Amino acid sequence: MTLSQAGLLPLLARWRRNAEERRRLASLPDGALKDLGLSRADVWQEVQKPFWRT
């Protein structure tokens, strides 16, 4: 399966957002994670995902 140029740009943008969101999640203090109902283990599991995974 090949991606057209029109389909490739949104895909690349999504991958970049995934990586950025995971970086921001990893930088949150423990109190903020607690407010979100997340543990450091939850965050670790999420940030270990490849950028192309949702």
N, C-alpha and C. Protein backbone atom coordinates (compact mmCIF):
# COMPACT_ATOMS: atom_id res chain seq x y z
N MET A 1 0.85 -1.19 0.00
CA MET A 1 0.00 0.00 0.00
C MET A 1 0.89 1.24 0.00
N THR A 2 0.62 2.13 -0.88
CA THR A 2 1.38 3.37 -0.94
C THR A 2 0.49 4.54 -0.52
N LEU A 3 1.12 5.53 0.04
CA LEU A 3 0.40 6.73 0.47
C LEU A 3 0.60 7.84 -0.55
N SER A 4 -0.46 8.50 -0.88
CA SER A 4 -0.32 9.67 -1.75
C SER A 4 0.30 10.80 -0.94
N GLN A 5 0.80 11.80 -1.62
CA GLN A 5 1.36 12.94 -0.90
C GLN A 5 0.32 13.60 -0.01
N ALA A 6 -0.92 13.65 -0.47
CA ALA A 6 -1.99 14.25 0.33
C ALA A 6 -2.24 13.45 1.60
N GLY A 7 -2.06 12.14 1.55
CA GLY A 7 -2.26 11.30 2.72
C GLY A 7 -1.05 11.25 3.63
N LEU A 8 0.11 11.52 3.07
CA LEU A 8 1.35 11.43 3.84
C LEU A 8 1.51 12.59 4.83
N LEU A 9 1.15 13.77 4.42
CA LEU A 9 1.33 14.94 5.30
C LEU A 9 0.52 14.83 6.59
N PRO A 10 -0.77 14.47 6.54
CA PRO A 10 -1.50 14.31 7.80
C PRO A 10 -0.93 13.19 8.67
N LEU A 11 -0.45 12.13 8.05
CA LEU A 11 0.14 11.03 8.80
C LEU A 11 1.41 11.49 9.53
N LEU A 12 2.26 12.21 8.84
CA LEU A 12 3.48 12.73 9.47
C LEU A 12 3.14 13.70 10.60
N ALA A 13 2.12 14.52 10.40
CA ALA A 13 1.69 15.46 11.44
C ALA A 13 1.20 14.70 12.66
N ARG A 14 0.44 13.62 12.45
CA ARG A 14 -0.05 12.82 13.58
C ARG A 14 1.09 12.19 14.34
N TRP A 15 2.08 11.65 13.63
CA TRP A 15 3.24 11.04 14.28
C TRP A 15 3.98 12.07 15.13
N ARG A 16 4.10 13.28 14.59
CA ARG A 16 4.79 14.33 15.35
C ARG A 16 3.99 14.69 16.61
N ARG A 17 2.66 14.79 16.49
CA ARG A 17 1.83 15.06 17.67
C ARG A 17 1.95 13.94 18.71
N ASN A 18 1.98 12.69 18.25
CA ASN A 18 2.14 11.57 19.19
C ASN A 18 3.43 11.75 20.00
N ALA A 19 4.52 12.01 19.32
CA ALA A 19 5.82 12.16 19.99
C ALA A 19 5.79 13.34 20.96
N GLU A 20 5.23 14.46 20.54
CA GLU A 20 5.18 15.65 21.39
C GLU A 20 4.30 15.43 22.61
N GLU A 21 3.14 14.83 22.41
CA GLU A 21 2.24 14.57 23.54
C GLU A 21 2.89 13.64 24.56
N ARG A 22 3.63 12.66 24.08
CA ARG A 22 4.30 11.73 25.00
C ARG A 22 5.43 12.43 25.75
N ARG A 23 6.12 13.33 25.09
CA ARG A 23 7.17 14.10 25.78
C ARG A 23 6.55 14.96 26.87
N ARG A 24 5.44 15.62 26.55
CA ARG A 24 4.77 16.47 27.55
C ARG A 24 4.22 15.64 28.71
N LEU A 25 3.66 14.50 28.41
CA LEU A 25 3.15 13.62 29.46
C LEU A 25 4.28 13.20 30.40
N ALA A 26 5.42 12.84 29.84
CA ALA A 26 6.56 12.42 30.65
C ALA A 26 7.10 13.54 31.52
N SER A 27 6.87 14.79 31.13
CA SER A 27 7.41 15.92 31.88
C SER A 27 6.48 16.40 33.00
N LEU A 28 5.27 15.86 33.06
CA LEU A 28 4.33 16.30 34.09
C LEU A 28 4.80 15.87 35.48
N PRO A 29 4.56 16.73 36.48
CA PRO A 29 4.92 16.35 37.85
C PRO A 29 3.95 15.29 38.38
N ASP A 30 4.39 14.60 39.41
CA ASP A 30 3.59 13.51 39.98
C ASP A 30 2.19 13.97 40.39
N GLY A 31 2.06 15.16 40.94
CA GLY A 31 0.75 15.66 41.35
C GLY A 31 -0.21 15.78 40.18
N ALA A 32 0.29 16.26 39.06
CA ALA A 32 -0.56 16.38 37.87
C ALA A 32 -0.96 15.00 37.35
N LEU A 33 -0.04 14.06 37.40
CA LEU A 33 -0.37 12.69 36.97
C LEU A 33 -1.44 12.09 37.87
N LYS A 34 -1.31 12.35 39.17
CA LYS A 34 -2.31 11.85 40.11
C LYS A 34 -3.68 12.43 39.80
N ASP A 35 -3.73 13.73 39.48
CA ASP A 35 -4.99 14.38 39.11
C ASP A 35 -5.61 13.71 37.88
N LEU A 36 -4.77 13.23 36.98
CA LEU A 36 -5.24 12.56 35.77
C LEU A 36 -5.53 11.08 35.99
N GLY A 37 -5.20 10.58 37.18
CA GLY A 37 -5.41 9.16 37.47
C GLY A 37 -4.35 8.27 36.85
N LEU A 38 -3.15 8.84 36.64
CA LEU A 38 -2.06 8.08 36.03
C LEU A 38 -0.91 7.91 37.02
N SER A 39 -0.21 6.82 36.88
CA SER A 39 0.99 6.58 37.67
C SER A 39 2.21 6.76 36.76
N ARG A 40 3.38 6.82 37.37
CA ARG A 40 4.61 6.89 36.57
C ARG A 40 4.74 5.65 35.69
N ALA A 41 4.27 4.50 36.20
CA ALA A 41 4.31 3.27 35.40
C ALA A 41 3.42 3.40 34.16
N ASP A 42 2.25 4.02 34.32
CA ASP A 42 1.37 4.25 33.17
C ASP A 42 2.07 5.13 32.14
N VAL A 43 2.70 6.18 32.63
CA VAL A 43 3.41 7.11 31.74
C VAL A 43 4.56 6.40 31.04
N TRP A 44 5.31 5.63 31.79
CA TRP A 44 6.45 4.90 31.21
C TRP A 44 5.97 3.99 30.08
N GLN A 45 4.87 3.29 30.32
CA GLN A 45 4.32 2.40 29.31
C GLN A 45 3.95 3.17 28.05
N GLU A 46 3.35 4.35 28.23
CA GLU A 46 2.93 5.16 27.09
C GLU A 46 4.13 5.73 26.32
N VAL A 47 5.11 6.25 27.02
CA VAL A 47 6.23 6.89 26.32
C VAL A 47 7.15 5.87 25.65
N GLN A 48 7.03 4.62 25.99
CA GLN A 48 7.83 3.59 25.34
C GLN A 48 7.26 3.16 23.99
N LYS A 49 6.03 3.57 23.71
CA LYS A 49 5.43 3.23 22.42
C LYS A 49 6.15 3.96 21.30
N PRO A 50 6.28 3.33 20.15
CA PRO A 50 6.83 4.04 18.99
C PRO A 50 5.90 5.19 18.58
N PHE A 51 6.45 6.22 18.00
CA PHE A 51 5.66 7.41 17.66
C PHE A 51 4.52 7.10 16.71
N TRP A 52 4.60 6.05 15.96
CA TRP A 52 3.54 5.75 14.98
C TRP A 52 2.38 4.98 15.60
N ARG A 53 2.53 4.57 16.87
CA ARG A 53 1.43 3.87 17.54
C ARG A 53 0.55 4.85 18.29
N THR A 54 -0.75 4.59 18.30
CA THR A 54 -1.66 5.46 19.05
C THR A 54 -2.03 4.82 20.36
